[in-house]
């Protein structure tokens, strides 16, 4: 059986269930205790678990990330909530030089069971310092796992799995997804990392997307279906580890690929996925790989300019049509 709940409620269920299961799990962050978090993910957990396990912090991202990494090394399972992924930059030394490398530098003996929950992406005109999609930064760092769920069921299952890991996990949510709804299975629901999900099966072209680009890709697939184009939508769910086998199998089936990311095009995860496909599935391709991505500019404050800076429905449709050698007037974001 399943229930329809919000993405934010699925995250809360995961935290609640894992806090009940494991007394070493605790949460720290700005406004996550009495206020329940800016997006109400942690609402009610303070009353249930007390201030020793749900604790507000000062506005000091470097400090809270440092506390979390240290606590993880000492044997706890901290969840550090950073309000905007943009502010994770203040703790990059702890993430990149400490958490990511500790296992290797201890000869495999040390573990850092640390989860950083944060949100990114555009929406609401909150400007360049509160709207970035920075998954490529963490994707580039060996030792960090990178998770980007797009639907409530994935959010719950992947967060529960993250809280059982012995290595640091960057759990990246999207501000536009918290209020979205979806079916979540009853009972114990855990999703292993490195398992992609086909959100929509198809035979003509593969659209690879993640996070808030999944709803947009599904909308594009529905529009394309009206033209008789059967698009498959593949969600990696975790970027590290990446399910290469699922990606290559889909490409072998459809022979065409469009990769969609909200992040800027330059140096993005989409380019790395494209290189994997080029190297390992070249002879399955009947058309060049298309990448639809954000413009290489800081996210504008103006709502219309913000919208223009990231992939929209016409951009995805135009890219699919190009891959099928069909004419289109729309121009994809570069």
Protein backbone atom coordinates (compact mmCIF):
# COMPACT_ATOMS: atom_id res chain seq x y z
CA UNK A 1 0.00 0.00 0.00
CA UNK A 2 1.04 3.58 -0.62
CA UNK A 3 0.02 7.05 0.54
CA UNK A 4 0.16 10.36 -1.29
CA UNK A 5 2.25 12.81 0.74
CA UNK A 6 4.39 15.87 0.17
CA UNK A 7 8.10 15.67 -0.59
CA UNK A 8 8.87 17.54 2.66
CA UNK A 9 6.74 15.12 4.67
CA UNK A 10 8.54 12.16 3.10
CA UNK A 11 11.85 13.65 4.26
CA UNK A 12 10.45 14.17 7.75
CA UNK A 13 9.26 10.56 7.89
CA UNK A 14 12.74 9.37 6.94
CA UNK A 15 14.37 11.46 9.66
CA UNK A 16 11.80 10.40 12.26
CA UNK A 17 12.08 6.70 11.47
CA UNK A 18 15.87 6.72 11.49
CA UNK A 19 16.01 8.72 14.73
CA UNK A 20 13.77 6.11 16.32
CA UNK A 21 15.89 3.28 14.93
CA UNK A 22 19.29 4.75 15.79
CA UNK A 23 19.83 6.95 18.88
CA UNK A 24 23.11 8.28 17.44
CA UNK A 25 21.24 10.23 14.71
CA UNK A 26 20.85 13.93 15.53
CA UNK A 27 20.04 17.07 13.54
CA UNK A 28 21.58 20.54 13.67
CA UNK A 29 20.95 23.62 11.55
CA UNK A 30 19.57 27.13 11.37
CA UNK A 31 15.96 27.31 12.55
CA UNK A 32 15.40 23.56 12.36
CA UNK A 33 14.26 23.06 15.97
CA UNK A 34 11.58 25.41 17.30
CA UNK A 35 10.72 26.78 13.86
CA UNK A 36 10.77 23.37 12.19
CA UNK A 37 12.97 24.55 9.33
CA UNK A 38 12.31 27.05 6.59
CA UNK A 39 10.53 24.37 4.56
CA UNK A 40 9.03 22.59 7.61
CA UNK A 41 10.94 19.37 7.02
CA UNK A 42 11.91 19.04 10.69
CA UNK A 43 8.62 20.29 12.14
CA UNK A 44 7.62 18.37 15.29
CA UNK A 45 10.93 16.57 15.75
CA UNK A 46 12.09 18.85 18.57
CA UNK A 47 9.04 17.98 20.66
CA UNK A 48 9.57 14.29 20.04
CA UNK A 49 13.35 13.99 20.49
CA UNK A 50 14.36 17.00 22.54
CA UNK A 51 17.02 19.69 22.10
CA UNK A 52 19.94 17.28 22.53
CA UNK A 53 19.01 15.63 19.18
CA UNK A 54 17.32 18.51 17.31
CA UNK A 55 19.39 21.64 17.87
CA UNK A 56 19.33 25.12 16.39
CA UNK A 57 22.69 26.66 15.52
CA UNK A 58 23.94 30.20 14.95
CA UNK A 59 24.28 31.40 11.36
CA UNK A 60 27.68 29.76 11.06
CA UNK A 61 27.83 27.19 8.28
CA UNK A 62 31.53 26.45 8.66
CA UNK A 63 30.99 25.80 12.36
CA UNK A 64 28.00 23.50 11.97
CA UNK A 65 29.65 21.49 9.18
CA UNK A 66 32.79 21.20 11.31
CA UNK A 67 30.74 20.03 14.30
CA UNK A 68 28.95 17.50 12.10
CA UNK A 69 32.12 16.07 10.59
CA UNK A 70 33.77 15.86 14.00
CA UNK A 71 30.75 14.18 15.56
CA UNK A 72 30.64 11.66 12.70
CA UNK A 73 34.31 10.79 13.18
CA UNK A 74 33.58 10.33 16.89
CA UNK A 75 30.82 7.80 16.15
CA UNK A 76 27.56 9.76 15.91
CA UNK A 77 25.35 10.10 12.82
CA UNK A 78 24.78 13.83 12.35
CA UNK A 79 22.43 15.43 9.86
CA UNK A 80 23.54 18.99 9.15
CA UNK A 81 20.93 21.12 7.41
CA UNK A 82 22.31 24.04 5.39
CA UNK A 83 19.52 26.41 4.39
CA UNK A 84 20.91 27.09 0.89
CA UNK A 85 23.49 24.98 -0.92
CA UNK A 86 25.22 28.26 -1.82
CA UNK A 87 26.28 28.58 1.83
CA UNK A 88 27.92 25.16 1.89
CA UNK A 89 30.89 26.94 0.32
CA UNK A 90 31.70 28.29 3.78
CA UNK A 91 32.44 24.76 4.95
CA UNK A 92 34.21 23.38 1.89
CA UNK A 93 37.46 22.70 3.73
CA UNK A 94 35.63 20.40 6.16
CA UNK A 95 33.75 18.71 3.33
CA UNK A 96 36.55 18.37 0.78
CA UNK A 97 39.72 18.06 2.86
CA UNK A 98 38.35 16.36 5.97
CA UNK A 99 35.12 14.39 5.44
CA UNK A 100 35.83 13.19 1.91
CA UNK A 101 39.41 12.11 2.60
CA UNK A 102 39.26 10.78 6.15
CA UNK A 103 38.61 7.15 5.21
CA UNK A 104 41.56 7.05 2.80
CA UNK A 105 43.91 8.90 5.11
CA UNK A 106 43.23 6.44 7.93
CA UNK A 107 44.00 3.44 5.77
CA UNK A 108 40.32 2.54 5.55
CA UNK A 109 39.83 2.40 9.31
CA UNK A 110 38.12 5.78 9.76
CA UNK A 111 34.50 6.46 8.85
CA UNK A 112 32.48 9.67 8.51
CA UNK A 113 28.74 8.81 8.67
CA UNK A 114 27.75 12.41 7.91
CA UNK A 115 24.73 13.67 5.94
CA UNK A 116 24.42 17.24 4.74
CA UNK A 117 20.86 18.12 3.74
CA UNK A 118 20.47 21.29 1.75
CA UNK A 119 18.43 22.75 -1.07
CA UNK A 120 19.37 24.54 -4.25
CA UNK A 121 18.07 25.60 -7.60
CA UNK A 122 16.13 28.55 -8.91
CA UNK A 123 12.67 29.69 -7.92
CA UNK A 124 11.06 32.74 -6.36
CA UNK A 125 13.60 35.32 -7.45
CA UNK A 126 15.97 34.94 -4.49
CA UNK A 127 18.93 35.98 -6.63
CA UNK A 128 22.39 34.74 -7.43
CA UNK A 129 23.56 33.81 -3.93
CA UNK A 130 20.49 31.70 -3.07
CA UNK A 131 19.65 29.95 -6.35
CA UNK A 132 22.61 27.94 -7.58
CA UNK A 133 22.72 24.29 -8.61
CA UNK A 134 26.11 23.22 -7.33
CA UNK A 135 25.99 19.43 -7.60
CA UNK A 136 28.99 19.43 -9.98
CA UNK A 137 31.24 20.75 -7.19
CA UNK A 138 30.48 17.79 -4.94
CA UNK A 139 30.36 15.34 -7.86
CA UNK A 140 33.98 16.24 -8.57
CA UNK A 141 35.22 15.30 -5.08
CA UNK A 142 36.19 11.63 -4.56
CA UNK A 143 34.82 10.39 -1.25
CA UNK A 144 31.53 12.30 -1.33
CA UNK A 145 28.25 10.67 -2.33
CA UNK A 146 25.78 12.94 -4.14
CA UNK A 147 22.01 12.34 -3.97
CA UNK A 148 19.31 14.36 -5.78
CA UNK A 149 15.80 12.90 -5.37
CA UNK A 150 12.97 14.21 -7.55
CA UNK A 151 9.86 12.63 -5.99
CA UNK A 152 8.65 11.97 -2.42
CA UNK A 153 9.20 8.20 -2.53
CA UNK A 154 12.80 8.66 -3.64
CA UNK A 155 13.35 11.41 -1.07
CA UNK A 156 12.30 9.14 1.77
CA UNK A 157 13.97 5.96 0.60
CA UNK A 158 17.26 7.59 -0.30
CA UNK A 159 17.47 9.65 2.91
CA UNK A 160 16.92 6.54 5.03
CA UNK A 161 19.71 4.80 3.11
CA UNK A 162 21.95 7.88 3.49
CA UNK A 163 21.53 7.78 7.26
CA UNK A 164 22.84 4.21 7.32
CA UNK A 165 26.04 4.96 5.38
CA UNK A 166 29.53 5.14 6.80
CA UNK A 167 30.71 7.79 4.35
CA UNK A 168 29.69 11.44 3.84
CA UNK A 169 26.56 12.08 1.78
CA UNK A 170 25.55 15.36 0.13
CA UNK A 171 21.75 15.17 0.03
CA UNK A 172 20.65 17.91 -2.37
CA UNK A 173 16.98 18.87 -2.48
CA UNK A 174 15.22 21.50 -4.60
CA UNK A 175 13.19 24.39 -3.23
CA UNK A 176 10.44 23.82 -5.81
CA UNK A 177 9.90 20.19 -4.82
CA UNK A 178 9.05 20.47 -1.11
CA UNK A 179 5.32 20.99 -1.69
CA UNK A 180 4.98 18.48 -4.53
CA UNK A 181 3.06 15.28 -3.84
CA UNK A 182 3.60 11.65 -4.74
CA UNK A 183 2.94 8.10 -3.63
CA UNK A 184 5.20 6.74 -0.89
CA UNK A 185 5.04 3.05 0.08
CA UNK A 186 3.87 2.18 3.58
CA UNK A 187 6.24 0.44 5.97
CA UNK A 188 10.00 0.22 5.66
CA UNK A 189 11.07 1.95 2.46
CA UNK A 190 14.79 2.18 1.71
CA UNK A 191 16.37 2.83 -1.72
CA UNK A 192 19.95 1.77 -2.37
CA UNK A 193 22.32 4.30 -3.91
CA UNK A 194 23.40 3.81 -7.51
CA UNK A 195 20.03 2.57 -8.78
CA UNK A 196 18.50 4.77 -11.47
CA UNK A 197 14.75 4.85 -12.02
CA UNK A 198 12.85 4.97 -15.30
CA UNK A 199 10.22 7.59 -14.58
CA UNK A 200 8.64 7.03 -18.00
CA UNK A 201 9.47 4.18 -20.39
CA UNK A 202 9.90 4.97 -24.07
CA UNK A 203 11.57 3.78 -27.26
CA UNK A 204 12.45 6.81 -29.41
CA UNK A 205 14.78 8.92 -27.26
CA UNK A 206 16.19 8.91 -23.72
CA UNK A 207 15.84 12.07 -21.62
CA UNK A 208 18.20 11.97 -18.63
CA UNK A 209 17.41 14.47 -15.89
CA UNK A 210 17.43 14.81 -12.11
CA UNK A 211 15.91 16.85 -9.28
CA UNK A 212 13.50 19.56 -10.47
CA UNK A 213 14.24 18.86 -14.12
CA UNK A 214 12.39 15.51 -13.84
CA UNK A 215 8.91 17.13 -13.71
CA UNK A 216 9.91 19.28 -16.69
CA UNK A 217 11.24 16.27 -18.60
CA UNK A 218 8.03 14.34 -17.93
CA UNK A 219 5.97 17.28 -19.12
CA UNK A 220 8.07 17.43 -22.29
CA UNK A 221 7.62 13.68 -22.82
CA UNK A 222 3.84 14.07 -22.52
CA UNK A 223 3.85 16.87 -25.10
CA UNK A 224 6.09 14.87 -27.43
CA UNK A 225 3.76 11.90 -27.15
CA UNK A 226 1.09 14.03 -28.80
CA UNK A 227 3.38 14.12 -31.84
CA UNK A 228 3.91 10.37 -31.73
CA UNK A 229 7.37 10.64 -30.13
CA UNK A 230 7.87 8.10 -27.34
CA UNK A 231 10.43 9.52 -24.91
CA UNK A 232 11.97 7.59 -22.04
CA UNK A 233 12.73 9.65 -18.92
CA UNK A 234 15.57 8.32 -16.78
CA UNK A 235 16.31 9.68 -13.30
CA UNK A 236 19.74 8.67 -11.93
CA UNK A 237 18.54 9.64 -8.41
CA UNK A 238 22.13 9.48 -7.20
CA UNK A 239 24.91 11.14 -9.19
CA UNK A 240 27.57 9.47 -7.03
CA UNK A 241 27.36 6.53 -7.32
CA UNK A 242 26.02 6.79 -10.87
CA UNK A 243 24.07 3.92 -12.41
CA UNK A 244 26.02 3.70 -15.68
CA UNK A 245 24.47 0.34 -16.56
CA UNK A 246 20.93 1.76 -16.57
CA UNK A 247 22.00 4.77 -18.64
CA UNK A 248 23.81 2.65 -21.23
CA UNK A 249 20.92 0.18 -21.43
CA UNK A 250 18.46 2.99 -22.13
CA UNK A 251 20.73 4.46 -24.81
CA UNK A 252 21.07 1.04 -26.43
CA UNK A 253 17.27 0.87 -26.59
CA UNK A 254 16.45 4.36 -27.88
CA UNK A 255 19.69 5.31 -29.73
CA UNK A 256 19.22 9.00 -28.91
CA UNK A 257 19.96 11.00 -25.76
CA UNK A 258 19.00 14.38 -24.35
CA UNK A 259 20.52 15.31 -20.97
CA UNK A 260 18.85 18.07 -18.96
CA UNK A 261 20.37 19.88 -15.98
CA UNK A 262 19.36 23.10 -14.26
CA UNK A 263 22.98 23.88 -13.44
CA UNK A 264 25.09 25.94 -15.83
CA UNK A 265 26.37 24.04 -18.86
CA UNK A 266 30.09 24.62 -18.30
CA UNK A 267 31.75 21.88 -16.25
CA UNK A 268 28.42 20.22 -15.44
CA UNK A 269 27.43 16.67 -14.59
CA UNK A 270 25.58 16.44 -17.91
CA UNK A 271 28.85 16.81 -19.79
CA UNK A 272 30.41 13.97 -17.81
CA UNK A 273 27.43 11.70 -18.45
CA UNK A 274 27.66 12.60 -22.14
CA UNK A 275 31.34 11.60 -22.17
CA UNK A 276 30.48 8.24 -20.59
CA UNK A 277 27.86 7.60 -23.26
CA UNK A 278 30.23 8.72 -26.01
CA UNK A 279 32.97 6.39 -24.76
CA UNK A 280 30.87 3.35 -23.91
CA UNK A 281 27.80 3.49 -26.17
CA UNK A 282 28.99 5.35 -29.26
CA UNK A 283 27.87 2.71 -31.73
CA UNK A 284 24.35 2.79 -30.33
CA UNK A 285 23.94 6.48 -31.11
CA UNK A 286 21.96 7.57 -34.17
CA UNK A 287 22.35 11.28 -33.41
CA UNK A 288 24.67 13.60 -31.46
CA UNK A 289 24.08 13.78 -27.71
CA UNK A 290 22.06 16.86 -26.80
CA UNK A 291 22.63 18.78 -23.55
CA UNK A 292 20.05 21.27 -22.30
CA UNK A 293 21.42 23.29 -19.40
CA UNK A 294 21.42 26.61 -17.61
CA UNK A 295 23.14 29.62 -19.11
CA UNK A 296 26.71 30.31 -17.99
CA UNK A 297 25.65 33.32 -15.92
CA UNK A 298 24.87 33.99 -12.25
CA UNK A 299 21.17 33.40 -11.62
CA UNK A 300 19.33 36.72 -12.20
CA UNK A 301 17.15 38.32 -9.51
CA UNK A 302 14.43 39.32 -11.99
CA UNK A 303 11.89 36.50 -12.24
CA UNK A 304 11.61 36.58 -16.03
CA UNK A 305 15.38 36.64 -16.48
CA UNK A 306 15.72 33.84 -13.91
CA UNK A 307 13.27 31.76 -15.92
CA UNK A 308 15.19 32.48 -19.12
CA UNK A 309 18.46 31.35 -17.54
CA UNK A 310 17.44 27.71 -17.00
CA UNK A 311 15.94 24.98 -19.22
CA UNK A 312 12.25 25.36 -19.98
CA UNK A 313 9.77 23.06 -21.67
CA UNK A 314 10.36 24.39 -25.23
CA UNK A 315 14.14 23.93 -24.84
CA UNK A 316 13.77 20.24 -23.98
CA UNK A 317 11.26 19.62 -26.76
CA UNK A 318 13.51 21.38 -29.28
CA UNK A 319 16.49 19.24 -28.24
CA UNK A 320 14.48 16.03 -28.64
CA UNK A 321 13.28 17.12 -32.05
CA UNK A 322 16.85 17.90 -33.11
CA UNK A 323 17.96 14.44 -32.02
CA UNK A 324 15.23 13.00 -34.22
CA UNK A 325 16.24 15.32 -37.09
CA UNK A 326 12.92 17.16 -36.92
CA UNK A 327 12.55 20.89 -37.48
CA UNK A 328 11.87 23.13 -34.49
CA UNK A 329 11.76 26.88 -33.90
CA UNK A 330 12.66 26.64 -30.22
CA UNK A 331 16.25 27.18 -29.10
CA UNK A 332 17.70 25.23 -26.19
CA UNK A 333 19.59 26.96 -23.42
CA UNK A 334 23.33 26.64 -23.85
